[in-house]
Amino acid sequence: METLKADLSASVTEFKRSPTRLIEQAAGRPLAVLVNNRPAFYALSAEAFERIADILDDRELAETAQQRLRDGDFVETELDEL
C-alpha cells in the first residue's frame, strides 16, 4: 500500500460531488483523491500551490547560484560601483 502524502483523503466519486467543500475542509493542506483506495492525485488550495511553487523557484535559483560560484562565473565588484 502506498503512503499518502496528505492527512485528508476522499474518493474520486466524493471529490466529483463536492470538490469545493472538500478543499475548504482541507484548510490549505493537501487532499489525496483516491481511486480504488490508491492516490490518483492531490488537490491543493491555490495558496498552498503558490507556496510550493515559490519554494521550487527559490531552490532553482539557489542551485544556479551555487553552480556559478563553483564555475567561477561571477564578476567581482565594489558595492559603491553598483
PDB file of N, CA and C in Angstrom:
ATOM      1  N   MET A   1       0.836  -1.191   0.000  1.00  0.00           N
ATOM      2  CA  MET A   1       0.000   0.000   0.000  1.00  0.00           C
ATOM      3  C   MET A   1       0.876   1.247   0.000  1.00  0.00           C
ATOM      4  N   GLU A   2       0.481   2.232  -0.796  1.00  0.00           N
ATOM      5  CA  GLU A   2       1.232   3.473  -0.887  1.00  0.00           C
ATOM      6  C   GLU A   2       0.974   4.344   0.330  1.00  0.00           C
ATOM      7  N   THR A   3       2.006   5.095   0.716  1.00  0.00           N
ATOM      8  CA  THR A   3       1.849   6.047   1.802  1.00  0.00           C
ATOM      9  C   THR A   3       1.249   7.328   1.250  1.00  0.00           C
ATOM     10  N   LEU A   4       0.226   7.811   1.901  1.00  0.00           N
ATOM     11  CA  LEU A   4      -0.391   9.070   1.478  1.00  0.00           C
ATOM     12  C   LEU A   4       0.459  10.236   1.946  1.00  0.00           C
ATOM     13  N   LYS A   5       0.573  11.234   1.111  1.00  0.00           N
ATOM     14  CA  LYS A   5       1.297  12.458   1.443  1.00  0.00           C
ATOM     15  C   LYS A   5       0.314  13.531   1.888  1.00  0.00           C
ATOM     16  N   ALA A   6      -0.776  13.109   2.521  1.00  0.00           N
ATOM     17  CA  ALA A   6      -1.811  14.028   2.980  1.00  0.00           C
ATOM     18  C   ALA A   6      -2.500  13.435   4.199  1.00  0.00           C
ATOM     19  N   ASP A   7      -2.965  14.318   5.066  1.00  0.00           N
ATOM     20  CA  ASP A   7      -3.719  13.873   6.238  1.00  0.00           C
ATOM     21  C   ASP A   7      -5.172  13.563   5.882  1.00  0.00           C
ATOM     22  N   LEU A   8      -5.655  14.178   4.813  1.00  0.00           N
ATOM     23  CA  LEU A   8      -7.041  14.030   4.409  1.00  0.00           C
ATOM     24  C   LEU A   8      -7.126  13.315   3.077  1.00  0.00           C
ATOM     25  N   SER A   9      -8.193  12.527   2.911  1.00  0.00           N
ATOM     26  CA  SER A   9      -8.397  11.840   1.634  1.00  0.00           C
ATOM     27  C   SER A   9      -9.883  11.732   1.344  1.00  0.00           C
ATOM     28  N   ALA A  10     -10.198  11.528   0.076  1.00  0.00           N
ATOM     29  CA  ALA A  10     -11.575  11.341  -0.377  1.00  0.00           C
ATOM     30  C   ALA A  10     -11.538  10.492  -1.629  1.00  0.00           C
ATOM     31  N   SER A  11     -12.623   9.786  -1.867  1.00  0.00           N
ATOM     32  CA  SER A  11     -12.712   9.011  -3.104  1.00  0.00           C
ATOM     33  C   SER A  11     -12.931   9.968  -4.264  1.00  0.00           C
ATOM     34  N   VAL A  12     -12.607   9.522  -5.455  1.00  0.00           N
ATOM     35  CA  VAL A  12     -12.811  10.361  -6.633  1.00  0.00           C
ATOM     36  C   VAL A  12     -14.301  10.663  -6.816  1.00  0.00           C
ATOM     37  N   THR A  13     -15.163   9.727  -6.442  1.00  0.00           N
ATOM     38  CA  THR A  13     -16.606   9.949  -6.528  1.00  0.00           C
ATOM     39  C   THR A  13     -17.031  11.072  -5.600  1.00  0.00           C
ATOM     40  N   GLU A  14     -16.538  11.036  -4.367  1.00  0.00           N
ATOM     41  CA  GLU A  14     -16.850  12.095  -3.410  1.00  0.00           C
ATOM     42  C   GLU A  14     -16.284  13.434  -3.881  1.00  0.00           C
ATOM     43  N   PHE A  15     -15.086  13.403  -4.449  1.00  0.00           N
ATOM     44  CA  PHE A  15     -14.466  14.629  -4.948  1.00  0.00           C
ATOM     45  C   PHE A  15     -15.288  15.232  -6.098  1.00  0.00           C
ATOM     46  N   LYS A  16     -15.792  14.389  -6.981  1.00  0.00           N
ATOM     47  CA  LYS A  16     -16.614  14.873  -8.093  1.00  0.00           C
ATOM     48  C   LYS A  16     -17.884  15.555  -7.587  1.00  0.00           C
ATOM     49  N   ARG A  17     -18.462  14.997  -6.507  1.00  0.00           N
ATOM     50  CA  ARG A  17     -19.703  15.542  -5.967  1.00  0.00           C
ATOM     51  C   ARG A  17     -19.524  16.928  -5.374  1.00  0.00           C
ATOM     52  N   SER A  18     -18.424  17.136  -4.649  1.00  0.00           N
ATOM     53  CA  SER A  18     -18.283  18.423  -3.950  1.00  0.00           C
ATOM     54  C   SER A  18     -16.810  18.803  -3.753  1.00  0.00           C
ATOM     55  N   PRO A  19     -16.115  19.119  -4.848  1.00  0.00           N
ATOM     56  CA  PRO A  19     -14.694  19.462  -4.729  1.00  0.00           C
ATOM     57  C   PRO A  19     -14.447  20.708  -3.883  1.00  0.00           C
ATOM     58  N   THR A  20     -15.291  21.714  -4.020  1.00  0.00           N
ATOM     59  CA  THR A  20     -15.083  22.948  -3.259  1.00  0.00           C
ATOM     60  C   THR A  20     -15.195  22.697  -1.764  1.00  0.00           C
ATOM     61  N   ARG A  21     -16.191  21.938  -1.351  1.00  0.00           N
ATOM     62  CA  ARG A  21     -16.363  21.630   0.076  1.00  0.00           C
ATOM     63  C   ARG A  21     -15.151  20.883   0.624  1.00  0.00           C
ATOM     64  N   LEU A  22     -14.650  19.929  -0.136  1.00  0.00           N
ATOM     65  CA  LEU A  22     -13.500  19.150   0.332  1.00  0.00           C
ATOM     66  C   LEU A  22     -12.243  20.012   0.435  1.00  0.00           C
ATOM     67  N   ILE A  23     -12.026  20.886  -0.538  1.00  0.00           N
ATOM     68  CA  ILE A  23     -10.863  21.778  -0.496  1.00  0.00           C
ATOM     69  C   ILE A  23     -10.980  22.711   0.703  1.00  0.00           C
ATOM     70  N   GLU A  24     -12.180  23.214   0.963  1.00  0.00           N
ATOM     71  CA  GLU A  24     -12.372  24.078   2.132  1.00  0.00           C
ATOM     72  C   GLU A  24     -12.110  23.316   3.416  1.00  0.00           C
ATOM     73  N   GLN A  25     -12.555  22.071   3.503  1.00  0.00           N
ATOM     74  CA  GLN A  25     -12.313  21.246   4.692  1.00  0.00           C
ATOM     75  C   GLN A  25     -10.825  20.996   4.892  1.00  0.00           C
ATOM     76  N   ALA A  26     -10.091  20.903   3.805  1.00  0.00           N
ATOM     77  CA  ALA A  26      -8.648  20.652   3.897  1.00  0.00           C
ATOM     78  C   ALA A  26      -7.926  21.849   4.502  1.00  0.00           C
ATOM     79  N   ALA A  27      -8.501  23.026   4.387  1.00  0.00           N
ATOM     80  CA  ALA A  27      -7.972  24.251   5.018  1.00  0.00           C
ATOM     81  C   ALA A  27      -6.490  24.480   4.704  1.00  0.00           C
ATOM     82  N   GLY A  28      -6.158  24.412   3.405  1.00  0.00           N
ATOM     83  CA  GLY A  28      -4.787  24.696   2.995  1.00  0.00           C
ATOM     84  C   GLY A  28      -3.854  23.501   2.990  1.00  0.00           C
ATOM     85  N   ARG A  29      -4.314  22.390   3.505  1.00  0.00           N
ATOM     86  CA  ARG A  29      -3.495  21.169   3.497  1.00  0.00           C
ATOM     87  C   ARG A  29      -3.823  20.349   2.250  1.00  0.00           C
ATOM     88  N   PRO A  30      -2.912  19.487   1.815  1.00  0.00           N
ATOM     89  CA  PRO A  30      -3.200  18.670   0.632  1.00  0.00           C
ATOM     90  C   PRO A  30      -4.330  17.676   0.896  1.00  0.00           C
ATOM     91  N   LEU A  31      -5.075  17.376  -0.143  1.00  0.00           N
ATOM     92  CA  LEU A  31      -6.153  16.399  -0.091  1.00  0.00           C
ATOM     93  C   LEU A  31      -5.827  15.307  -1.104  1.00  0.00           C
ATOM     94  N   ALA A  32      -5.691  14.078  -0.642  1.00  0.00           N
ATOM     95  CA  ALA A  32      -5.439  12.951  -1.540  1.00  0.00           C
ATOM     96  C   ALA A  32      -6.767  12.475  -2.107  1.00  0.00           C
ATOM     97  N   VAL A  33      -6.846  12.373  -3.429  1.00  0.00           N
ATOM     98  CA  VAL A  33      -8.048  11.859  -4.079  1.00  0.00           C
ATOM     99  C   VAL A  33      -7.732  10.442  -4.543  1.00  0.00           C
ATOM    100  N   LEU A  34      -8.560   9.505  -4.086  1.00  0.00           N
ATOM    101  CA  LEU A  34      -8.264   8.090  -4.263  1.00  0.00           C
ATOM    102  C   LEU A  34      -9.142   7.433  -5.333  1.00  0.00           C
ATOM    103  N   VAL A  35      -8.519   6.542  -6.079  1.00  0.00           N
ATOM    104  CA  VAL A  35      -9.217   5.647  -6.999  1.00  0.00           C
ATOM    105  C   VAL A  35      -8.809   4.240  -6.593  1.00  0.00           C
ATOM    106  N   ASN A  36      -9.786   3.414  -6.282  1.00  0.00           N
ATOM    107  CA  ASN A  36      -9.514   2.052  -5.794  1.00  0.00           C
ATOM    108  C   ASN A  36      -8.577   2.073  -4.588  1.00  0.00           C
ATOM    109  N   ASN A  37      -8.810   3.016  -3.678  1.00  0.00           N
ATOM    110  CA  ASN A  37      -8.038   3.170  -2.437  1.00  0.00           C
ATOM    111  C   ASN A  37      -6.562   3.475  -2.653  1.00  0.00           C
ATOM    112  N   ARG A  38      -6.246   4.013  -3.807  1.00  0.00           N
ATOM    113  CA  ARG A  38      -4.871   4.426  -4.097  1.00  0.00           C
ATOM    114  C   ARG A  38      -4.904   5.889  -4.530  1.00  0.00           C
ATOM    115  N   PRO A  39      -3.882   6.668  -4.167  1.00  0.00           N
ATOM    116  CA  PRO A  39      -3.884   8.075  -4.559  1.00  0.00           C
ATOM    117  C   PRO A  39      -3.783   8.238  -6.074  1.00  0.00           C
ATOM    118  N   ALA A  40      -4.749   8.964  -6.638  1.00  0.00           N
ATOM    119  CA  ALA A  40      -4.741   9.263  -8.069  1.00  0.00           C
ATOM    120  C   ALA A  40      -4.137  10.644  -8.299  1.00  0.00           C
ATOM    121  N   PHE A  41      -4.455  11.570  -7.401  1.00  0.00           N
ATOM    122  CA  PHE A  41      -3.874  12.905  -7.460  1.00  0.00           C
ATOM    123  C   PHE A  41      -4.084  13.596  -6.122  1.00  0.00           C
ATOM    124  N   TYR A  42      -3.399  14.709  -5.962  1.00  0.00           N
ATOM    125  CA  TYR A  42      -3.540  15.529  -4.768  1.00  0.00           C
ATOM    126  C   TYR A  42      -4.130  16.870  -5.172  1.00  0.00           C
ATOM    127  N   ALA A  43      -5.114  17.316  -4.427  1.00  0.00           N
ATOM    128  CA  ALA A  43      -5.731  18.619  -4.660  1.00  0.00           C
ATOM    129  C   ALA A  43      -5.195  19.587  -3.609  1.00  0.00           C
ATOM    130  N   LEU A  44      -4.848  20.789  -4.073  1.00  0.00           N
ATOM    131  CA  LEU A  44      -4.306  21.816  -3.188  1.00  0.00           C
ATOM    132  C   LEU A  44      -5.069  23.115  -3.379  1.00  0.00           C
ATOM    133  N   SER A  45      -5.106  23.915  -2.341  1.00  0.00           N
ATOM    134  CA  SER A  45      -5.645  25.261  -2.500  1.00  0.00           C
ATOM    135  C   SER A  45      -4.664  26.053  -3.356  1.00  0.00           C
ATOM    136  N   ALA A  46      -5.121  27.144  -3.923  1.00  0.00           N
ATOM    137  CA  ALA A  46      -4.240  27.995  -4.728  1.00  0.00           C
ATOM    138  C   ALA A  46      -3.088  28.515  -3.875  1.00  0.00           C
ATOM    139  N   GLU A  47      -3.375  28.873  -2.634  1.00  0.00           N
ATOM    140  CA  GLU A  47      -2.331  29.396  -1.744  1.00  0.00           C
ATOM    141  C   GLU A  47      -1.252  28.349  -1.482  1.00  0.00           C
ATOM    142  N   ALA A  48      -1.656  27.108  -1.232  1.00  0.00           N
ATOM    143  CA  ALA A  48      -0.682  26.041  -0.979  1.00  0.00           C
ATOM    144  C   ALA A  48       0.169  25.787  -2.222  1.00  0.00           C
ATOM    145  N   PHE A  49      -0.463  25.766  -3.390  1.00  0.00           N
ATOM    146  CA  PHE A  49       0.285  25.558  -4.633  1.00  0.00           C
ATOM    147  C   PHE A  49       1.298  26.680  -4.841  1.00  0.00           C
ATOM    148  N   GLU A  50       0.878  27.925  -4.596  1.00  0.00           N
ATOM    149  CA  GLU A  50       1.784  29.067  -4.770  1.00  0.00           C
ATOM    150  C   GLU A  50       2.969  28.996  -3.810  1.00  0.00           C
ATOM    151  N   ARG A  51       2.741  28.539  -2.574  1.00  0.00           N
ATOM    152  CA  ARG A  51       3.854  28.373  -1.625  1.00  0.00           C
ATOM    153  C   ARG A  51       4.848  27.340  -2.141  1.00  0.00           C
ATOM    154  N   ILE A  52       4.335  26.236  -2.650  1.00  0.00           N
ATOM    155  CA  ILE A  52       5.206  25.190  -3.193  1.00  0.00           C
ATOM    156  C   ILE A  52       5.969  25.708  -4.405  1.00  0.00           C
ATOM    157  N   ALA A  53       5.286  26.428  -5.292  1.00  0.00           N
ATOM    158  CA  ALA A  53       5.945  26.984  -6.479  1.00  0.00           C
ATOM    159  C   ALA A  53       7.050  27.953  -6.073  1.00  0.00           C
ATOM    160  N   ASP A  54       6.810  28.785  -5.055  1.00  0.00           N
ATOM    161  CA  ASP A  54       7.838  29.719  -4.565  1.00  0.00           C
ATOM    162  C   ASP A  54       9.053  28.970  -4.024  1.00  0.00           C
ATOM    163  N   ILE A  55       8.807  27.903  -3.283  1.00  0.00           N
ATOM    164  CA  ILE A  55       9.906  27.101  -2.730  1.00  0.00           C
ATOM    165  C   ILE A  55      10.726  26.486  -3.861  1.00  0.00           C
ATOM    166  N   LEU A  56      10.064  25.960  -4.874  1.00  0.00           N
ATOM    167  CA  LEU A  56      10.776  25.362  -6.006  1.00  0.00           C
ATOM    168  C   LEU A  56      11.576  26.414  -6.771  1.00  0.00           C
ATOM    169  N   ASP A  57      10.994  27.606  -6.958  1.00  0.00           N
ATOM    170  CA  ASP A  57      11.718  28.697  -7.629  1.00  0.00           C
ATOM    171  C   ASP A  57      12.967  29.081  -6.842  1.00  0.00           C
ATOM    172  N   ASP A  58      12.815  29.208  -5.514  1.00  0.00           N
ATOM    173  CA  ASP A  58      13.957  29.553  -4.665  1.00  0.00           C
ATOM    174  C   ASP A  58      15.051  28.491  -4.753  1.00  0.00           C
ATOM    175  N   ARG A  59      14.635  27.234  -4.770  1.00  0.00           N
ATOM    176  CA  ARG A  59      15.611  26.146  -4.855  1.00  0.00           C
ATOM    177  C   ARG A  59      16.367  26.189  -6.183  1.00  0.00           C
ATOM    178  N   GLU A  60      15.639  26.448  -7.259  1.00  0.00           N
ATOM    179  CA  GLU A  60      16.277  26.532  -8.580  1.00  0.00           C
ATOM    180  C   GLU A  60      17.284  27.687  -8.619  1.00  0.00           C
ATOM    181  N   LEU A  61      16.901  28.839  -8.072  1.00  0.00           N
ATOM    182  CA  LEU A  61      17.817  29.982  -8.031  1.00  0.00           C
ATOM    183  C   LEU A  61      19.054  29.677  -7.193  1.00  0.00           C
ATOM    184  N   ALA A  62      18.856  28.996  -6.068  1.00  0.00           N
ATOM    185  CA  ALA A  62      19.993  28.641  -5.209  1.00  0.00           C
ATOM    186  C   ALA A  62      20.943  27.692  -5.934  1.00  0.00           C
ATOM    187  N   GLU A  63      20.398  26.721  -6.659  1.00  0.00           N
ATOM    188  CA  GLU A  63      21.243  25.787  -7.414  1.00  0.00           C
ATOM    189  C   GLU A  63      22.027  26.517  -8.502  1.00  0.00           C
ATOM    190  N   THR A  64      21.383  27.470  -9.180  1.00  0.00           N
ATOM    191  CA  THR A  64      22.061  28.258 -10.207  1.00  0.00           C
ATOM    192  C   THR A  64      23.202  29.059  -9.601  1.00  0.00           C
ATOM    193  N   ALA A  65      22.938  29.699  -8.469  1.00  0.00           N
ATOM    194  CA  ALA A  65      23.970  30.495  -7.798  1.00  0.00           C
ATOM    195  C   ALA A  65      25.133  29.616  -7.358  1.00  0.00           C
ATOM    196  N   GLN A  66      24.843  28.456  -6.789  1.00  0.00           N
ATOM    197  CA  GLN A  66      25.911  27.548  -6.352  1.00  0.00           C
ATOM    198  C   GLN A  66      26.743  27.076  -7.536  1.00  0.00           C
ATOM    199  N   GLN A  67      26.092  26.758  -8.649  1.00  0.00           N
ATOM    200  CA  GLN A  67      26.818  26.314  -9.845  1.00  0.00           C
ATOM    201  C   GLN A  67      27.730  27.425 -10.358  1.00  0.00           C
ATOM    202  N   ARG A  68      27.244  28.646 -10.374  1.00  0.00           N
ATOM    203  CA  ARG A  68      28.054  29.768 -10.852  1.00  0.00           C
ATOM    204  C   ARG A  68      29.239  30.025  -9.931  1.00  0.00           C
ATOM    205  N   LEU A  69      29.034  29.855  -8.639  1.00  0.00           N
ATOM    206  CA  LEU A  69      30.155  30.015  -7.700  1.00  0.00           C
ATOM    207  C   LEU A  69      31.206  28.927  -7.925  1.00  0.00           C
ATOM    208  N   ARG A  70      30.754  27.690  -8.154  1.00  0.00           N
ATOM    209  CA  ARG A  70      31.693  26.593  -8.419  1.00  0.00           C
ATOM    210  C   ARG A  70      32.462  26.824  -9.711  1.00  0.00           C
ATOM    211  N   ASP A  71      31.773  27.353 -10.732  1.00  0.00           N
ATOM    212  CA  ASP A  71      32.386  27.560 -12.038  1.00  0.00           C
ATOM    213  C   ASP A  71      33.197  28.851 -12.110  1.00  0.00           C
ATOM    214  N   GLY A  72      33.073  29.671 -11.085  1.00  0.00           N
ATOM    215  CA  GLY A  72      33.764  30.957 -11.115  1.00  0.00           C
ATOM    216  C   GLY A  72      33.093  31.933 -12.060  1.00  0.00           C
ATOM    217  N   ASP A  73      31.824  31.708 -12.350  1.00  0.00           N
ATOM    218  CA  ASP A  73      31.072  32.537 -13.286  1.00  0.00           C
ATOM    219  C   ASP A  73      30.470  33.738 -12.557  1.00  0.00           C
ATOM    220  N   PHE A  74      31.349  34.639 -12.109  1.00  0.00           N
ATOM    221  CA  PHE A  74      30.888  35.827 -11.418  1.00  0.00           C
ATOM    222  C   PHE A  74      31.887  36.952 -11.648  1.00  0.00           C
ATOM    223  N   VAL A  75      31.455  38.161 -11.386  1.00  0.00           N
ATOM    224  CA  VAL A  75      32.300  39.344 -11.558  1.00  0.00           C
ATOM    225  C   VAL A  75      32.450  40.005 -10.210  1.00  0.00           C
ATOM    226  N   GLU A  76      33.675  40.252  -9.792  1.00  0.00           N
ATOM    227  CA  GLU A  76      33.901  40.949  -8.529  1.00  0.00           C
ATOM    228  C   GLU A  76      33.713  42.438  -8.740  1.00  0.00           C
ATOM    229  N   THR A  77      33.070  43.068  -7.795  1.00  0.00           N
ATOM    230  CA  THR A  77      32.839  44.498  -7.871  1.00  0.00           C
ATOM    231  C   THR A  77      32.753  45.070  -6.473  1.00  0.00           C
ATOM    232  N   GLU A  78      32.803  46.354  -6.382  1.00  0.00           N
ATOM    233  CA  GLU A  78      32.653  47.053  -5.114  1.00  0.00           C
ATOM    234  C   GLU A  78      31.206  47.487  -4.989  1.00  0.00           C
ATOM    235  N   LEU A  79      30.703  47.529  -3.798  1.00  0.00           N
ATOM    236  CA  LEU A  79      29.329  47.928  -3.568  1.00  0.00           C
ATOM    237  C   LEU A  79      29.049  49.324  -4.110  1.00  0.00           C
ATOM    238  N   ASP A  80      29.998  50.212  -3.996  1.00  0.00           N
ATOM    239  CA  ASP A  80      29.818  51.589  -4.488  1.00  0.00           C
ATOM    240  C   ASP A  80      29.672  51.632  -6.020  1.00  0.00           C
ATOM    241  N   GLU A  81      30.167  50.612  -6.717  1.00  0.00           N
ATOM    242  CA  GLU A  81      30.077  50.572  -8.162  1.00  0.00           C
ATOM    243  C   GLU A  81      28.700  50.168  -8.666  1.00  0.00           C
ATOM    244  N   LEU A  82      27.899  49.642  -7.783  1.00  0.00           N
ATOM    245  CA  LEU A  82      26.568  49.169  -8.194  1.00  0.00           C
ATOM    246  C   LEU A  82      25.640  50.284  -8.285  1.00  0.00           C
TER     247      LEU A  82
END
